N, C-alpha and C. Protein backbone atom coordinates (compact mmCIF):
# COMPACT_ATOMS: atom_id res chain seq x y z
N UNK A 1 -2.70 -8.66 6.71
CA UNK A 1 -2.48 -7.60 5.90
C UNK A 1 -2.96 -6.37 6.42
N UNK A 2 -2.36 -5.33 6.83
CA UNK A 2 -2.58 -4.31 7.27
C UNK A 2 -2.17 -2.78 6.13
N UNK A 3 -3.05 -2.11 6.41
CA UNK A 3 -3.19 -0.79 5.46
C UNK A 3 -2.52 0.29 5.93
N UNK A 4 -1.98 1.17 5.21
CA UNK A 4 -1.23 2.53 5.57
C UNK A 4 -2.50 3.53 4.92
N UNK A 5 -3.14 3.65 6.17
CA UNK A 5 -4.56 4.63 5.92
C UNK A 5 -4.01 5.94 5.88
N UNK A 6 -2.56 6.46 6.38
CA UNK A 6 -2.71 7.59 6.31
C UNK A 6 -1.98 7.89 4.86
N UNK A 7 -1.46 6.92 4.01
CA UNK A 7 -0.77 6.97 2.76
C UNK A 7 -1.85 7.30 1.60
N UNK A 8 -2.83 6.23 1.86
CA UNK A 8 -4.36 6.38 1.17
C UNK A 8 -5.06 7.85 1.16
N UNK A 9 -5.18 8.35 2.86
CA UNK A 9 -5.74 9.63 3.06
C UNK A 9 -5.03 10.57 2.32
N UNK A 10 -3.64 10.60 2.22
CA UNK A 10 -2.86 11.84 1.54
C UNK A 10 -3.12 11.78 -0.06
N UNK A 11 -3.11 10.61 -0.69
CA UNK A 11 -3.31 10.54 -1.62
C UNK A 11 -4.42 11.03 -2.03
N UNK A 12 -5.50 10.54 -1.48
CA UNK A 12 -7.05 11.26 -1.76
C UNK A 12 -6.96 12.42 -1.65
N UNK A 13 -6.60 13.01 -0.76
CA UNK A 13 -6.42 14.71 -0.53
C UNK A 13 -5.84 15.26 -1.34
N UNK A 14 -5.02 14.97 -2.11
CA UNK A 14 -3.66 15.75 -3.25
C UNK A 14 -4.47 15.78 -4.28
N UNK A 15 -5.05 14.92 -4.87
CA UNK A 15 -5.75 14.82 -6.03
C UNK A 15 -7.13 14.09 -5.92
N UNK A 16 -8.10 14.85 -6.90
CA UNK A 16 -9.51 14.15 -6.47
C UNK A 16 -9.57 13.34 -7.72
N UNK A 17 -10.05 12.28 -7.74
CA UNK A 17 -10.45 11.52 -8.85
C UNK A 17 -11.55 11.60 -9.80
N UNK A 18 -11.68 11.60 -10.82
CA UNK A 18 -12.99 11.94 -11.66
C UNK A 18 -13.81 11.23 -11.45
N UNK A 19 -13.58 10.17 -10.85
CA UNK A 19 -14.84 9.01 -10.59
C UNK A 19 -15.59 9.35 -9.34
N UNK A 20 -14.89 10.42 -8.62
CA UNK A 20 -15.84 10.54 -7.23
C UNK A 20 -16.98 11.31 -7.22
N UNK A 21 -17.66 10.57 -6.49
CA UNK A 21 -19.36 10.97 -6.32
C UNK A 21 -19.46 11.94 -5.14
N UNK A 22 -19.54 13.31 -5.46
CA UNK A 22 -19.72 14.10 -4.42
C UNK A 22 -18.52 14.01 -3.40
N UNK A 23 -18.61 14.15 -1.99
CA UNK A 23 -17.59 13.79 -1.34
C UNK A 23 -16.86 12.38 -1.22
N UNK A 24 -17.41 11.48 -2.14
CA UNK A 24 -17.04 9.90 -1.76
C UNK A 24 -15.72 9.65 -2.63
N UNK A 25 -15.00 9.28 -2.53
CA UNK A 25 -13.66 8.65 -3.22
C UNK A 25 -14.04 7.27 -3.51
N UNK A 26 -13.47 7.09 -4.67
CA UNK A 26 -13.72 5.30 -5.28
C UNK A 26 -12.63 4.82 -4.76
N UNK A 27 -12.79 3.91 -3.78
CA UNK A 27 -11.57 3.01 -3.39
C UNK A 27 -11.61 1.58 -4.37
N UNK A 28 -10.34 1.40 -4.96
CA UNK A 28 -10.35 0.45 -5.68
C UNK A 28 -9.88 -0.83 -4.66
N UNK A 29 -10.61 -1.81 -4.74
CA UNK A 29 -10.28 -2.95 -3.52
C UNK A 29 -10.36 -4.44 -4.29
N UNK A 30 -9.83 -5.24 -3.43
CA UNK A 30 -9.61 -6.82 -3.96
C UNK A 30 -10.23 -7.47 -2.54
N UNK A 31 -10.90 -8.70 -3.02
CA UNK A 31 -11.27 -9.58 -1.75
C UNK A 31 -11.44 -10.92 -2.51
N UNK A 32 -11.25 -11.90 -1.44
CA UNK A 32 -11.24 -13.21 -2.01
C UNK A 32 -12.85 -13.79 -2.08
N UNK A 33 -13.21 -14.15 -3.36
CA UNK A 33 -14.42 -14.71 -3.61
C UNK A 33 -14.44 -15.94 -3.33
N UNK A 34 -15.53 -16.81 -3.78
CA UNK A 34 -15.82 -18.34 -3.65
C UNK A 34 -14.97 -18.96 -4.93
N UNK A 35 -14.65 -18.15 -5.81
CA UNK A 35 -13.86 -19.12 -7.01
C UNK A 35 -12.55 -18.28 -7.14
N UNK A 36 -12.12 -17.47 -6.35
CA UNK A 36 -10.78 -16.47 -6.82
C UNK A 36 -10.87 -14.96 -6.32
N UNK A 37 -9.94 -14.50 -6.73
CA UNK A 37 -9.78 -12.78 -6.28
C UNK A 37 -10.82 -11.86 -6.95
N UNK A 38 -11.27 -11.25 -6.62
CA UNK A 38 -12.24 -10.18 -7.09
C UNK A 38 -11.64 -8.92 -6.96
N UNK A 39 -12.28 -7.96 -8.22
CA UNK A 39 -11.73 -6.41 -7.69
C UNK A 39 -13.16 -5.79 -7.80
N UNK A 40 -13.26 -4.85 -6.79
CA UNK A 40 -14.74 -3.94 -6.60
C UNK A 40 -14.15 -2.51 -6.30
N UNK A 41 -14.93 -1.56 -6.72
CA UNK A 41 -14.88 -0.11 -6.45
C UNK A 41 -15.72 0.22 -5.05
N UNK A 42 -15.42 0.76 -4.20
CA UNK A 42 -16.14 1.02 -2.79
C UNK A 42 -16.24 2.38 -2.53
N UNK A 43 -17.42 3.50 -2.56
CA UNK A 43 -17.02 4.73 -2.39
C UNK A 43 -17.19 4.98 -1.02
N UNK A 44 -16.65 5.87 -0.48
CA UNK A 44 -16.50 6.42 0.95
C UNK A 44 -15.65 7.65 1.14
N UNK A 45 -16.00 8.36 2.23
CA UNK A 45 -15.16 9.40 2.55
C UNK A 45 -13.75 9.03 3.22
N UNK A 46 -13.59 7.90 3.50
CA UNK A 46 -12.17 7.54 4.18
C UNK A 46 -11.84 5.84 4.09
N UNK A 47 -10.58 5.73 3.91
CA UNK A 47 -10.48 4.33 3.30
C UNK A 47 -10.51 3.47 4.37
N UNK A 48 -10.28 3.69 5.92
CA UNK A 48 -10.57 2.83 7.02
C UNK A 48 -12.15 2.78 7.23
N UNK A 49 -12.97 3.61 6.81
CA UNK A 49 -14.57 3.42 7.19
C UNK A 49 -14.84 2.45 5.88
N UNK A 50 -14.40 2.77 4.76
CA UNK A 50 -14.87 1.80 3.71
C UNK A 50 -14.44 0.40 3.96
N UNK A 51 -13.41 0.10 4.48
CA UNK A 51 -12.84 -1.31 5.10
C UNK A 51 -13.46 -1.93 6.31
N UNK A 52 -13.95 -0.74 7.25
CA UNK A 52 -14.61 -1.39 8.14
C UNK A 52 -15.98 -1.73 7.90
N UNK A 53 -16.93 -1.05 7.17
CA UNK A 53 -18.14 -1.23 6.85
C UNK A 53 -18.18 -2.69 5.86
N UNK A 54 -17.00 -3.08 5.16
CA UNK A 54 -17.24 -4.19 4.13
C UNK A 54 -16.33 -5.30 4.60
N UNK A 55 -15.67 -5.42 5.71
CA UNK A 55 -14.62 -6.29 5.78
C UNK A 55 -15.50 -7.73 6.03
N UNK A 56 -16.30 -7.65 6.86
CA UNK A 56 -17.34 -8.90 7.16
C UNK A 56 -17.98 -9.48 5.99
N UNK A 57 -18.14 -8.70 5.29
CA UNK A 57 -19.06 -9.13 3.88
C UNK A 57 -18.20 -9.89 2.99
N UNK A 58 -16.69 -9.13 2.84
CA UNK A 58 -16.16 -9.57 1.75
C UNK A 58 -14.60 -10.11 2.29
N UNK A 59 -14.50 -11.37 2.44
CA UNK A 59 -13.49 -12.23 2.83
C UNK A 59 -12.02 -11.52 2.35
N UNK A 60 -11.15 -10.93 3.03
CA UNK A 60 -9.73 -10.95 2.74
C UNK A 60 -9.77 -9.29 1.89
N UNK A 61 -10.63 -8.76 2.51
CA UNK A 61 -10.97 -7.53 1.63
C UNK A 61 -9.52 -6.56 1.78
N UNK A 62 -8.90 -5.87 0.89
CA UNK A 62 -7.85 -5.01 0.73
C UNK A 62 -8.08 -3.71 0.16
N UNK A 63 -7.76 -2.74 0.40
CA UNK A 63 -7.71 -1.54 -0.41
C UNK A 63 -6.54 -1.42 -0.89
N UNK A 64 -6.55 -1.10 -2.41
CA UNK A 64 -5.34 -1.20 -3.22
C UNK A 64 -5.00 0.50 -3.34
N UNK A 65 -6.01 1.14 -3.76
CA UNK A 65 -5.81 2.51 -3.59
C UNK A 65 -6.73 3.29 -4.13
N UNK A 66 -6.76 4.57 -5.27
CA UNK A 66 -8.07 5.02 -5.63
C UNK A 66 -8.20 4.84 -6.95
N UNK A 67 -9.68 4.60 -7.38
CA UNK A 67 -9.96 4.33 -8.78
C UNK A 67 -10.10 5.45 -9.50
N UNK A 68 -9.37 5.75 -10.57
CA UNK A 68 -9.40 7.07 -11.75
C UNK A 68 -9.96 6.79 -12.72
N UNK A 69 -9.97 5.71 -13.19
CA UNK A 69 -11.03 5.65 -14.36
C UNK A 69 -11.21 4.21 -14.99
N UNK A 70 -11.95 3.94 -15.77
CA UNK A 70 -12.58 2.57 -16.34
C UNK A 70 -12.06 2.74 -17.77
N UNK A 71 -11.56 1.53 -18.48
CA UNK A 71 -11.45 1.65 -19.83
C UNK A 71 -12.31 0.28 -20.53
N UNK A 72 -12.97 0.39 -21.67
CA UNK A 72 -13.75 -0.93 -21.92
C UNK A 72 -12.76 -1.36 -23.17
């Protein structure tokens, strides 16, 4: 699975997520856990940096897009 880092960066630059923490964008991600697929939000300044920092810890890590809000 390859990511389109340019598209993800453009989306983050065009509109700031209300869930952002300072300069850190909340990236909605998924990975393969021991009993199924999990979703997680990882914060970082760049999607590729987030992927590189976490890919070894989270098997099958994939960045889906930007996290905008949570509903309960």
